[in-house]
Amino acid sequence: MSSKAPPSTKNVNVEDMTDEELAELRQRIDAEGRKREAKRRRETKKQIVDLARREGIDLASLASSAGQTTEQTKYRDPENQFNVWSGRGRKPEWVKQALARGLKLDDLKV
């Protein structure tokens, strides 16, 4: 890769850029897009959880009515009901964090 930074995105003339500069710019654009999408998803999930709590809606019932059965879900995050785990495979990060806070796996059972 080039040691010089890609040009500012304002008034960028991509026709004047080298292949290397274009590739670097594409990587930066893709990374920024992924970062923004992840942020939007986190914010949307938080809004949904907050709204459900405020309205007294059990998110587990919504998840099961959307095709997610409780047979598949053995464990649920008490802080975010969208985080579920079947008990198979590696423990998700939210399970590890809950255990580190002193909860037991049985505390997370559905």
N, C-alpha and C. Protein backbone atom coordinates (compact mmCIF):
# COMPACT_ATOMS: atom_id res chain seq x y z
N MET A 1 0.82 -1.19 0.00
CA MET A 1 0.00 0.00 0.00
C MET A 1 0.87 1.25 0.00
N SER A 2 0.27 2.29 -0.45
CA SER A 2 0.97 3.57 -0.53
C SER A 2 1.16 4.16 0.85
N SER A 3 2.26 4.86 1.05
CA SER A 3 2.50 5.49 2.34
C SER A 3 1.73 6.79 2.47
N LYS A 4 1.30 7.35 1.35
CA LYS A 4 0.53 8.59 1.46
C LYS A 4 -0.93 8.27 1.72
N ALA A 5 -1.56 9.13 2.50
CA ALA A 5 -2.96 8.93 2.85
C ALA A 5 -3.83 9.19 1.64
N PRO A 6 -4.94 8.46 1.53
CA PRO A 6 -5.84 8.72 0.41
C PRO A 6 -6.39 10.14 0.51
N PRO A 7 -6.77 10.71 -0.60
CA PRO A 7 -7.28 12.08 -0.58
C PRO A 7 -8.56 12.18 0.22
N SER A 8 -8.88 13.38 0.64
CA SER A 8 -10.13 13.64 1.33
C SER A 8 -11.28 13.21 0.43
N THR A 9 -12.38 12.78 1.04
CA THR A 9 -13.50 12.30 0.23
C THR A 9 -14.27 13.43 -0.43
N LYS A 10 -14.01 14.67 -0.03
CA LYS A 10 -14.66 15.80 -0.69
C LYS A 10 -13.93 16.07 -2.00
N ASN A 11 -14.71 16.14 -3.04
CA ASN A 11 -14.17 16.42 -4.37
C ASN A 11 -13.10 15.41 -4.80
N VAL A 12 -13.32 14.14 -4.49
CA VAL A 12 -12.37 13.11 -4.88
C VAL A 12 -12.59 12.78 -6.35
N ASN A 13 -11.53 12.82 -7.09
CA ASN A 13 -11.60 12.43 -8.49
C ASN A 13 -10.99 11.03 -8.58
N VAL A 14 -11.84 10.03 -8.53
CA VAL A 14 -11.36 8.65 -8.51
C VAL A 14 -10.63 8.28 -9.79
N GLU A 15 -10.90 8.98 -10.85
CA GLU A 15 -10.23 8.68 -12.12
C GLU A 15 -8.74 8.97 -12.05
N ASP A 16 -8.35 9.88 -11.15
CA ASP A 16 -6.94 10.23 -11.01
C ASP A 16 -6.22 9.36 -9.98
N MET A 17 -6.95 8.48 -9.30
CA MET A 17 -6.34 7.66 -8.24
C MET A 17 -5.71 6.41 -8.84
N THR A 18 -4.65 5.94 -8.18
CA THR A 18 -4.03 4.68 -8.60
C THR A 18 -4.92 3.53 -8.13
N ASP A 19 -4.65 2.35 -8.67
CA ASP A 19 -5.41 1.17 -8.24
C ASP A 19 -5.24 0.95 -6.74
N GLU A 20 -4.03 1.18 -6.26
CA GLU A 20 -3.73 1.00 -4.83
C GLU A 20 -4.54 1.98 -3.99
N GLU A 21 -4.61 3.22 -4.42
CA GLU A 21 -5.38 4.24 -3.68
C GLU A 21 -6.87 3.92 -3.70
N LEU A 22 -7.36 3.44 -4.84
CA LEU A 22 -8.77 3.05 -4.93
C LEU A 22 -9.08 1.90 -3.98
N ALA A 23 -8.19 0.92 -3.94
CA ALA A 23 -8.40 -0.24 -3.05
C ALA A 23 -8.41 0.20 -1.60
N GLU A 24 -7.49 1.09 -1.25
CA GLU A 24 -7.43 1.58 0.13
C GLU A 24 -8.69 2.38 0.48
N LEU A 25 -9.15 3.20 -0.45
CA LEU A 25 -10.36 3.98 -0.23
C LEU A 25 -11.56 3.06 -0.07
N ARG A 26 -11.65 2.03 -0.90
CA ARG A 26 -12.74 1.07 -0.80
C ARG A 26 -12.74 0.37 0.56
N GLN A 27 -11.56 0.00 1.05
CA GLN A 27 -11.47 -0.65 2.35
C GLN A 27 -11.97 0.28 3.46
N ARG A 28 -11.58 1.54 3.37
CA ARG A 28 -12.01 2.51 4.38
C ARG A 28 -13.51 2.74 4.33
N ILE A 29 -14.05 2.82 3.12
CA ILE A 29 -15.50 3.01 2.96
C ILE A 29 -16.25 1.79 3.50
N ASP A 30 -15.80 0.59 3.13
CA ASP A 30 -16.45 -0.63 3.60
C ASP A 30 -16.41 -0.74 5.13
N ALA A 31 -15.25 -0.42 5.72
CA ALA A 31 -15.11 -0.49 7.18
C ALA A 31 -16.04 0.52 7.85
N GLU A 32 -16.12 1.71 7.32
CA GLU A 32 -17.01 2.73 7.89
C GLU A 32 -18.46 2.30 7.76
N GLY A 33 -18.82 1.71 6.64
CA GLY A 33 -20.19 1.21 6.45
C GLY A 33 -20.54 0.13 7.46
N ARG A 34 -19.61 -0.81 7.68
CA ARG A 34 -19.86 -1.87 8.67
C ARG A 34 -20.00 -1.29 10.07
N LYS A 35 -19.16 -0.32 10.39
CA LYS A 35 -19.20 0.31 11.71
C LYS A 35 -20.54 1.02 11.93
N ARG A 36 -20.99 1.75 10.93
CA ARG A 36 -22.27 2.46 11.05
C ARG A 36 -23.44 1.50 11.15
N GLU A 37 -23.43 0.44 10.36
CA GLU A 37 -24.51 -0.56 10.41
C GLU A 37 -24.57 -1.22 11.78
N ALA A 38 -23.42 -1.57 12.34
CA ALA A 38 -23.39 -2.19 13.68
C ALA A 38 -23.94 -1.22 14.72
N LYS A 39 -23.58 0.04 14.61
CA LYS A 39 -24.07 1.05 15.55
C LYS A 39 -25.59 1.19 15.44
N ARG A 40 -26.10 1.25 14.19
CA ARG A 40 -27.55 1.35 13.99
C ARG A 40 -28.28 0.16 14.60
N ARG A 41 -27.72 -1.04 14.39
CA ARG A 41 -28.35 -2.25 14.94
C ARG A 41 -28.36 -2.23 16.46
N ARG A 42 -27.23 -1.83 17.07
CA ARG A 42 -27.18 -1.74 18.54
C ARG A 42 -28.20 -0.76 19.07
N GLU A 43 -28.27 0.41 18.43
CA GLU A 43 -29.21 1.43 18.88
C GLU A 43 -30.66 0.98 18.70
N THR A 44 -30.95 0.32 17.59
CA THR A 44 -32.30 -0.17 17.34
C THR A 44 -32.68 -1.24 18.34
N LYS A 45 -31.79 -2.18 18.61
CA LYS A 45 -32.08 -3.22 19.60
C LYS A 45 -32.35 -2.60 20.96
N LYS A 46 -31.54 -1.61 21.34
CA LYS A 46 -31.72 -0.95 22.63
C LYS A 46 -33.09 -0.27 22.68
N GLN A 47 -33.48 0.40 21.59
CA GLN A 47 -34.79 1.06 21.55
C GLN A 47 -35.92 0.04 21.69
N ILE A 48 -35.77 -1.10 21.03
CA ILE A 48 -36.80 -2.14 21.11
C ILE A 48 -36.91 -2.68 22.53
N VAL A 49 -35.77 -2.98 23.14
CA VAL A 49 -35.76 -3.51 24.50
C VAL A 49 -36.37 -2.48 25.46
N ASP A 50 -35.96 -1.22 25.34
CA ASP A 50 -36.50 -0.17 26.21
C ASP A 50 -38.00 -0.02 26.04
N LEU A 51 -38.47 -0.01 24.80
CA LEU A 51 -39.90 0.12 24.54
C LEU A 51 -40.67 -1.07 25.11
N ALA A 52 -40.15 -2.27 24.90
CA ALA A 52 -40.82 -3.46 25.42
C ALA A 52 -40.90 -3.42 26.94
N ARG A 53 -39.81 -3.04 27.59
CA ARG A 53 -39.84 -2.93 29.06
C ARG A 53 -40.86 -1.90 29.52
N ARG A 54 -40.86 -0.76 28.85
CA ARG A 54 -41.78 0.32 29.22
C ARG A 54 -43.23 -0.12 29.06
N GLU A 55 -43.50 -0.91 28.03
CA GLU A 55 -44.86 -1.35 27.74
C GLU A 55 -45.20 -2.70 28.39
N GLY A 56 -44.24 -3.29 29.12
CA GLY A 56 -44.49 -4.56 29.80
C GLY A 56 -44.60 -5.75 28.86
N ILE A 57 -43.91 -5.69 27.74
CA ILE A 57 -43.95 -6.78 26.76
C ILE A 57 -42.78 -7.72 27.01
N ASP A 58 -43.07 -9.01 27.09
CA ASP A 58 -42.04 -10.01 27.26
C ASP A 58 -41.43 -10.32 25.89
N LEU A 59 -40.17 -9.97 25.73
CA LEU A 59 -39.52 -10.17 24.43
C LEU A 59 -39.38 -11.65 24.08
N ALA A 60 -39.35 -12.51 25.07
CA ALA A 60 -39.26 -13.94 24.79
C ALA A 60 -40.49 -14.40 24.01
N SER A 61 -41.65 -13.87 24.34
CA SER A 61 -42.86 -14.26 23.62
C SER A 61 -42.83 -13.75 22.19
N LEU A 62 -42.24 -12.59 21.98
CA LEU A 62 -42.12 -12.08 20.62
C LEU A 62 -41.15 -12.93 19.81
N ALA A 63 -40.04 -13.31 20.42
CA ALA A 63 -39.05 -14.11 19.72
C ALA A 63 -39.63 -15.46 19.32
N SER A 64 -40.38 -16.09 20.21
CA SER A 64 -40.94 -17.40 19.88
C SER A 64 -42.04 -17.27 18.83
N SER A 65 -42.77 -16.16 18.85
CA SER A 65 -43.81 -15.98 17.84
C SER A 65 -43.22 -15.62 16.48
N ALA A 66 -41.96 -15.24 16.46
CA ALA A 66 -41.30 -14.90 15.19
C ALA A 66 -40.57 -16.11 14.61
N GLY A 67 -40.81 -17.29 15.17
CA GLY A 67 -40.20 -18.49 14.63
C GLY A 67 -39.09 -19.06 15.47
N GLN A 68 -38.72 -18.38 16.52
CA GLN A 68 -37.65 -18.87 17.39
C GLN A 68 -38.32 -19.64 18.53
N THR A 69 -38.12 -20.93 18.57
CA THR A 69 -38.79 -21.73 19.58
C THR A 69 -37.97 -21.79 20.85
N THR A 70 -38.66 -22.02 21.96
CA THR A 70 -37.95 -22.11 23.23
C THR A 70 -37.18 -23.41 23.34
N GLU A 71 -37.48 -24.40 22.48
CA GLU A 71 -36.69 -25.63 22.46
C GLU A 71 -35.26 -25.33 22.03
N GLN A 72 -35.09 -24.39 21.12
CA GLN A 72 -33.76 -24.02 20.65
C GLN A 72 -33.05 -23.14 21.68
N THR A 73 -33.83 -22.39 22.42
CA THR A 73 -33.27 -21.44 23.37
C THR A 73 -33.28 -22.04 24.76
N LYS A 74 -32.08 -22.26 25.30
CA LYS A 74 -31.99 -22.77 26.66
C LYS A 74 -31.57 -21.68 27.64
N TYR A 75 -30.88 -20.67 27.12
CA TYR A 75 -30.37 -19.59 27.98
C TYR A 75 -30.70 -18.24 27.35
N ARG A 76 -31.02 -17.29 28.21
CA ARG A 76 -31.35 -15.94 27.74
C ARG A 76 -30.66 -14.92 28.62
N ASP A 77 -30.16 -13.87 27.99
CA ASP A 77 -29.49 -12.78 28.70
C ASP A 77 -30.54 -11.98 29.47
N PRO A 78 -30.41 -11.87 30.79
CA PRO A 78 -31.41 -11.11 31.55
C PRO A 78 -31.38 -9.61 31.24
N GLU A 79 -30.30 -9.12 30.68
CA GLU A 79 -30.19 -7.70 30.37
C GLU A 79 -30.62 -7.36 28.95
N ASN A 80 -30.66 -8.36 28.08
CA ASN A 80 -31.07 -8.14 26.69
C ASN A 80 -31.68 -9.44 26.19
N GLN A 81 -32.99 -9.50 26.13
CA GLN A 81 -33.67 -10.74 25.81
C GLN A 81 -33.47 -11.20 24.37
N PHE A 82 -32.85 -10.37 23.55
CA PHE A 82 -32.52 -10.81 22.19
C PHE A 82 -31.31 -11.73 22.19
N ASN A 83 -30.51 -11.68 23.24
CA ASN A 83 -29.33 -12.55 23.34
C ASN A 83 -29.77 -13.90 23.89
N VAL A 84 -29.72 -14.90 23.05
CA VAL A 84 -30.09 -16.26 23.45
C VAL A 84 -28.99 -17.22 23.05
N TRP A 85 -29.01 -18.38 23.71
CA TRP A 85 -28.01 -19.41 23.41
C TRP A 85 -28.65 -20.77 23.61
N SER A 86 -28.36 -21.68 22.71
CA SER A 86 -28.93 -23.03 22.77
C SER A 86 -28.18 -23.93 23.76
N GLY A 87 -27.02 -23.48 24.21
CA GLY A 87 -26.21 -24.31 25.09
C GLY A 87 -25.21 -25.15 24.32
N ARG A 88 -25.25 -25.05 23.02
CA ARG A 88 -24.32 -25.79 22.18
C ARG A 88 -23.22 -24.87 21.68
N GLY A 89 -22.06 -25.43 21.47
CA GLY A 89 -20.95 -24.65 20.94
C GLY A 89 -20.32 -23.76 22.00
N ARG A 90 -19.51 -22.84 21.54
CA ARG A 90 -18.81 -21.94 22.45
C ARG A 90 -19.79 -20.99 23.13
N LYS A 91 -19.48 -20.62 24.34
CA LYS A 91 -20.33 -19.68 25.07
C LYS A 91 -20.24 -18.31 24.41
N PRO A 92 -21.39 -17.67 24.19
CA PRO A 92 -21.35 -16.31 23.65
C PRO A 92 -20.74 -15.34 24.67
N GLU A 93 -20.32 -14.21 24.19
CA GLU A 93 -19.68 -13.22 25.04
C GLU A 93 -20.59 -12.78 26.19
N TRP A 94 -21.89 -12.64 25.93
CA TRP A 94 -22.79 -12.19 27.00
C TRP A 94 -22.87 -13.23 28.11
N VAL A 95 -22.75 -14.52 27.79
CA VAL A 95 -22.73 -15.57 28.82
C VAL A 95 -21.45 -15.45 29.63
N LYS A 96 -20.33 -15.30 28.96
CA LYS A 96 -19.06 -15.16 29.67
C LYS A 96 -19.09 -13.97 30.61
N GLN A 97 -19.66 -12.86 30.15
CA GLN A 97 -19.73 -11.65 30.99
C GLN A 97 -20.64 -11.86 32.18
N ALA A 98 -21.76 -12.54 31.97
CA ALA A 98 -22.69 -12.81 33.08
C ALA A 98 -22.03 -13.70 34.12
N LEU A 99 -21.31 -14.71 33.67
CA LEU A 99 -20.61 -15.61 34.60
C LEU A 99 -19.52 -14.85 35.35
N ALA A 100 -18.84 -13.94 34.67
CA ALA A 100 -17.79 -13.14 35.32
C ALA A 100 -18.39 -12.22 36.38
N ARG A 101 -19.65 -11.81 36.19
CA ARG A 101 -20.32 -10.96 37.17
C ARG A 101 -20.84 -11.76 38.37
N GLY A 102 -20.67 -13.08 38.33
CA GLY A 102 -21.08 -13.90 39.46
C GLY A 102 -22.35 -14.69 39.26
N LEU A 103 -23.00 -14.53 38.10
CA LEU A 103 -24.19 -15.33 37.83
C LEU A 103 -23.78 -16.77 37.52
N LYS A 104 -24.69 -17.68 37.73
CA LYS A 104 -24.46 -19.08 37.37
C LYS A 104 -25.22 -19.36 36.09
N LEU A 105 -24.79 -20.38 35.38
CA LEU A 105 -25.45 -20.74 34.12
C LEU A 105 -26.93 -21.02 34.37
N ASP A 106 -27.24 -21.63 35.51
CA ASP A 106 -28.64 -21.89 35.84
C ASP A 106 -29.46 -20.61 35.96
N ASP A 107 -28.81 -19.50 36.32
CA ASP A 107 -29.51 -18.22 36.43
C ASP A 107 -29.97 -17.71 35.07
N LEU A 108 -29.37 -18.21 34.00
CA LEU A 108 -29.67 -17.74 32.66
C LEU A 108 -30.65 -18.66 31.92
N LYS A 109 -31.03 -19.77 32.55
CA LYS A 109 -31.93 -20.71 31.89
C LYS A 109 -33.28 -20.09 31.63
N VAL A 110 -33.86 -20.48 30.49
CA VAL A 110 -35.19 -19.98 30.12
C VAL A 110 -36.24 -20.68 30.97
